[in-house]
């Protein structure tokens, strides 16, 4: 089981704030409600449905040190 500090959560509205305030990485999409963005650790450059999910995945993969190897696997 994971503890709250090991969880990343992506939200876009005030109803997401109870979870965002507990997790280790609270993320808001670019077009999120302003109050949700104020309480995010990171805000995606793109809006929800416009590439934000990919940005979050790539951020996590980069932090884990495996983004480039996954991208390069498409060249094989």
N, C-alpha and C. Protein backbone atom coordinates (compact mmCIF):
# COMPACT_ATOMS: atom_id res chain seq x y z
N UNK A 1 0.84 -1.19 0.00
CA UNK A 1 0.00 0.00 0.00
C UNK A 1 0.88 1.25 0.00
N UNK A 2 0.40 2.27 -0.63
CA UNK A 2 1.11 3.54 -0.68
C UNK A 2 0.63 4.45 0.43
N UNK A 3 1.52 5.31 0.90
CA UNK A 3 1.05 6.35 1.82
C UNK A 3 0.81 7.61 0.99
N UNK A 4 0.13 8.56 1.57
CA UNK A 4 -0.29 9.76 0.83
C UNK A 4 0.88 10.48 0.16
N UNK A 5 2.04 10.52 0.80
CA UNK A 5 3.17 11.25 0.24
C UNK A 5 3.73 10.60 -1.02
N UNK A 6 3.35 9.37 -1.31
CA UNK A 6 3.83 8.66 -2.50
C UNK A 6 2.87 8.79 -3.69
N UNK A 7 1.83 9.56 -3.53
CA UNK A 7 0.78 9.65 -4.54
C UNK A 7 0.83 10.99 -5.26
N UNK A 8 0.68 10.95 -6.59
CA UNK A 8 0.50 12.15 -7.41
C UNK A 8 -0.97 12.18 -7.81
N UNK A 9 -1.56 13.36 -7.78
CA UNK A 9 -2.98 13.51 -8.09
C UNK A 9 -3.15 14.72 -9.00
N UNK A 10 -3.94 14.56 -10.03
CA UNK A 10 -4.22 15.66 -10.96
C UNK A 10 -5.67 16.10 -10.76
N UNK A 11 -5.84 17.39 -10.51
CA UNK A 11 -7.18 17.93 -10.32
C UNK A 11 -7.40 19.19 -11.14
N UNK A 12 -8.67 19.59 -11.19
CA UNK A 12 -8.98 20.80 -11.95
C UNK A 12 -10.04 21.67 -11.31
N UNK A 13 -10.51 21.29 -10.13
CA UNK A 13 -11.59 22.07 -9.52
C UNK A 13 -11.48 22.04 -8.00
N UNK A 14 -12.27 22.84 -7.34
CA UNK A 14 -12.21 22.95 -5.88
C UNK A 14 -12.59 21.64 -5.20
N UNK A 15 -13.39 20.81 -5.84
CA UNK A 15 -13.75 19.53 -5.22
C UNK A 15 -12.55 18.59 -5.13
N UNK A 16 -11.48 18.88 -5.85
CA UNK A 16 -10.26 18.08 -5.80
C UNK A 16 -9.34 18.49 -4.64
N UNK A 17 -9.59 19.62 -4.02
CA UNK A 17 -8.70 20.13 -2.99
C UNK A 17 -8.51 19.22 -1.77
N UNK A 18 -9.54 18.52 -1.29
CA UNK A 18 -9.29 17.63 -0.15
C UNK A 18 -8.22 16.57 -0.44
N UNK A 19 -8.22 16.04 -1.64
CA UNK A 19 -7.19 15.06 -2.02
C UNK A 19 -5.88 15.76 -2.32
N UNK A 20 -5.92 16.85 -3.04
CA UNK A 20 -4.70 17.58 -3.40
C UNK A 20 -3.92 18.01 -2.17
N UNK A 21 -4.61 18.32 -1.09
CA UNK A 21 -3.94 18.78 0.12
C UNK A 21 -3.26 17.64 0.89
N UNK A 22 -3.56 16.41 0.52
CA UNK A 22 -2.99 15.24 1.23
C UNK A 22 -1.85 14.56 0.50
N UNK A 23 -1.81 14.67 -0.80
CA UNK A 23 -0.86 13.88 -1.58
C UNK A 23 0.52 14.52 -1.63
N UNK A 24 1.50 13.72 -2.05
CA UNK A 24 2.87 14.22 -2.16
C UNK A 24 3.10 15.13 -3.34
N UNK A 25 2.33 14.94 -4.41
CA UNK A 25 2.45 15.77 -5.61
C UNK A 25 1.06 16.12 -6.11
N UNK A 26 0.64 17.33 -5.82
CA UNK A 26 -0.66 17.82 -6.27
C UNK A 26 -0.46 18.61 -7.56
N UNK A 27 -1.15 18.20 -8.60
CA UNK A 27 -1.00 18.81 -9.92
C UNK A 27 -2.34 19.37 -10.36
N UNK A 28 -2.30 20.56 -10.93
CA UNK A 28 -3.49 21.15 -11.53
C UNK A 28 -3.22 21.36 -13.02
N UNK A 29 -4.23 21.16 -13.83
CA UNK A 29 -4.09 21.42 -15.26
C UNK A 29 -4.20 22.92 -15.49
N UNK A 30 -3.67 23.38 -16.63
CA UNK A 30 -3.60 24.80 -16.93
C UNK A 30 -4.96 25.51 -16.83
N UNK A 31 -6.02 24.84 -17.24
CA UNK A 31 -7.33 25.48 -17.22
C UNK A 31 -8.14 25.14 -15.96
N UNK A 32 -7.45 24.76 -14.90
CA UNK A 32 -8.11 24.46 -13.63
C UNK A 32 -8.65 25.74 -12.99
N UNK A 33 -9.53 25.55 -12.04
CA UNK A 33 -10.04 26.67 -11.24
C UNK A 33 -8.85 27.34 -10.55
N UNK A 34 -8.86 28.65 -10.48
CA UNK A 34 -7.74 29.41 -9.91
C UNK A 34 -7.40 28.97 -8.49
N UNK A 35 -8.41 28.65 -7.68
CA UNK A 35 -8.14 28.25 -6.29
C UNK A 35 -7.45 26.90 -6.25
N UNK A 36 -7.79 26.00 -7.14
CA UNK A 36 -7.11 24.71 -7.21
C UNK A 36 -5.66 24.92 -7.64
N UNK A 37 -5.43 25.81 -8.59
CA UNK A 37 -4.07 26.08 -9.05
C UNK A 37 -3.21 26.68 -7.94
N UNK A 38 -3.80 27.47 -7.07
CA UNK A 38 -3.07 28.07 -5.94
C UNK A 38 -2.52 27.00 -5.01
N UNK A 39 -3.17 25.86 -4.94
CA UNK A 39 -2.80 24.81 -3.99
C UNK A 39 -2.09 23.63 -4.65
N UNK A 40 -1.69 23.80 -5.88
CA UNK A 40 -0.98 22.75 -6.60
C UNK A 40 0.53 22.93 -6.44
N UNK A 41 1.24 21.80 -6.42
CA UNK A 41 2.70 21.86 -6.43
C UNK A 41 3.20 22.17 -7.83
N UNK A 42 2.45 21.77 -8.83
CA UNK A 42 2.85 21.99 -10.22
C UNK A 42 1.60 22.19 -11.06
N UNK A 43 1.68 23.07 -12.05
CA UNK A 43 0.58 23.33 -12.98
C UNK A 43 1.08 22.94 -14.37
N UNK A 44 0.30 22.12 -15.05
CA UNK A 44 0.71 21.68 -16.39
C UNK A 44 0.72 22.85 -17.36
N UNK A 45 1.63 22.83 -18.33
CA UNK A 45 1.62 23.87 -19.36
C UNK A 45 0.37 23.82 -20.24
N UNK A 46 -0.20 22.63 -20.39
CA UNK A 46 -1.37 22.45 -21.27
C UNK A 46 -2.65 22.29 -20.46
N UNK A 47 -3.74 22.56 -21.12
CA UNK A 47 -5.06 22.41 -20.50
C UNK A 47 -5.47 20.94 -20.44
N UNK A 48 -6.44 20.66 -19.62
CA UNK A 48 -7.01 19.32 -19.56
C UNK A 48 -7.58 18.94 -20.91
N UNK A 49 -7.28 17.73 -21.35
CA UNK A 49 -7.75 17.26 -22.65
C UNK A 49 -6.93 17.79 -23.82
N UNK A 50 -5.89 18.55 -23.52
CA UNK A 50 -5.04 19.15 -24.57
C UNK A 50 -3.57 18.78 -24.37
N UNK A 51 -3.31 17.65 -23.73
CA UNK A 51 -1.94 17.20 -23.54
C UNK A 51 -1.46 17.19 -22.10
N UNK A 52 -2.29 17.61 -21.17
CA UNK A 52 -1.88 17.68 -19.76
C UNK A 52 -1.53 16.30 -19.20
N UNK A 53 -2.30 15.28 -19.54
CA UNK A 53 -2.02 13.94 -19.01
C UNK A 53 -0.66 13.45 -19.47
N UNK A 54 -0.33 13.69 -20.71
CA UNK A 54 0.99 13.30 -21.22
C UNK A 54 2.09 14.05 -20.47
N UNK A 55 1.89 15.34 -20.23
CA UNK A 55 2.88 16.12 -19.49
C UNK A 55 3.11 15.57 -18.09
N UNK A 56 2.04 15.17 -17.43
CA UNK A 56 2.15 14.59 -16.09
C UNK A 56 2.93 13.28 -16.16
N UNK A 57 2.59 12.42 -17.09
CA UNK A 57 3.29 11.15 -17.24
C UNK A 57 4.76 11.36 -17.52
N UNK A 58 5.08 12.29 -18.40
CA UNK A 58 6.47 12.55 -18.74
C UNK A 58 7.23 13.17 -17.56
N UNK A 59 6.58 14.01 -16.79
CA UNK A 59 7.20 14.59 -15.59
C UNK A 59 7.59 13.48 -14.61
N UNK A 60 6.68 12.56 -14.37
CA UNK A 60 6.95 11.46 -13.44
C UNK A 60 8.02 10.54 -13.99
N UNK A 61 7.93 10.21 -15.27
CA UNK A 61 8.94 9.33 -15.87
C UNK A 61 10.32 9.98 -15.85
N UNK A 62 10.39 11.28 -16.08
CA UNK A 62 11.67 12.00 -16.02
C UNK A 62 12.21 11.96 -14.60
N UNK A 63 11.37 12.17 -13.61
CA UNK A 63 11.80 12.12 -12.21
C UNK A 63 12.30 10.73 -11.84
N UNK A 64 11.73 9.71 -12.42
CA UNK A 64 12.15 8.33 -12.16
C UNK A 64 13.37 7.93 -12.99
N UNK A 65 13.76 8.79 -13.92
CA UNK A 65 14.94 8.54 -14.72
C UNK A 65 14.75 7.58 -15.88
N UNK A 66 13.50 7.38 -16.32
CA UNK A 66 13.29 6.42 -17.41
C UNK A 66 12.57 6.98 -18.63
N UNK A 67 12.35 8.26 -18.69
CA UNK A 67 11.64 8.85 -19.83
C UNK A 67 12.40 8.62 -21.13
N UNK A 68 13.66 8.96 -21.16
CA UNK A 68 14.42 8.90 -22.42
C UNK A 68 14.56 7.46 -22.92
N UNK A 69 14.74 6.51 -22.03
CA UNK A 69 14.85 5.13 -22.49
C UNK A 69 13.53 4.64 -23.07
N UNK A 70 12.41 5.08 -22.50
CA UNK A 70 11.11 4.71 -23.06
C UNK A 70 10.90 5.35 -24.43
N UNK A 71 11.28 6.62 -24.56
CA UNK A 71 11.12 7.29 -25.85
C UNK A 71 12.01 6.64 -26.91
N UNK A 72 13.24 6.34 -26.53
CA UNK A 72 14.17 5.74 -27.47
C UNK A 72 13.73 4.34 -27.90
N UNK A 73 12.94 3.68 -27.09
CA UNK A 73 12.48 2.32 -27.46
C UNK A 73 11.62 2.34 -28.72
N UNK A 74 11.08 3.50 -29.09
CA UNK A 74 10.29 3.60 -30.31
C UNK A 74 11.15 3.66 -31.56
N UNK A 75 12.45 3.83 -31.38
CA UNK A 75 13.37 3.87 -32.52
C UNK A 75 13.91 2.50 -32.87
N UNK A 76 13.61 1.51 -32.09
CA UNK A 76 14.14 0.16 -32.33
C UNK A 76 13.21 -0.64 -33.21
